[in-house]
Structures are given as structure tokens and as C-alpha cells.
Amino acid sequence: MSQPRFPLGQIVATAGAASKLSPIQIIGLLSRHAAGDWGEVPPEDAQENELSVKEGFRILSAYKVDGTAYWLITEADRSCTTILLPDEY
């Protein structure tokens, strides 16, 4: 596992995301997010995430698991990372 680039804070998941992901899948997504693998975000969002890591802004990653899209959002103050389905935003 890569060294995390930023703290995740408390980790929470919405009911929709938690009902579809296994614990192993959740750990995998959190590992990718913390390592700076932003998943399926547009290039401008990836660039914004890089700035956000340095400047302390909110970070958003997007992944697909078994055809379902998931977002991971780490708050600017790094107090919390939320795993959610995009329609739960």
C-alpha cells in the first residue's frame, strides 16, 4: 500500500454505498484515494485535487466497482472522508 498523501479523518459511508461495497472494496477505494489515484475524474478535477492536497481544500475521487459509480470526498479540514453514491450527494 502506498503512503497516504493526506489524512482521511473519520471514515463514513452512506447507506447506499455501504450496502453495495464489501469491506475489502471499501479499503481498496480508500487506499487509492489516499494515495492520490483520483479514479475517473476529468483532468481538470484531477489537477484541482493536486492543488487541494497542497492547499488543504476538499478532495473528490470517483471510481466504478462492478459498474456502480462511487465518490469519495475528504473534507477540507481532513476531519472526515465520505464514501457515497453520486445520487446521494
Foldseek 3Di string as FASTA:
>chain_A
DDDFLAAQAAEEEDPVVVVPDDPVRVVVVVVCQRNLNQAPDPPVLSVVQVVCSVPQAKHWGWHDDPRFIWIWIQHSPSNHIYIYGVVVD
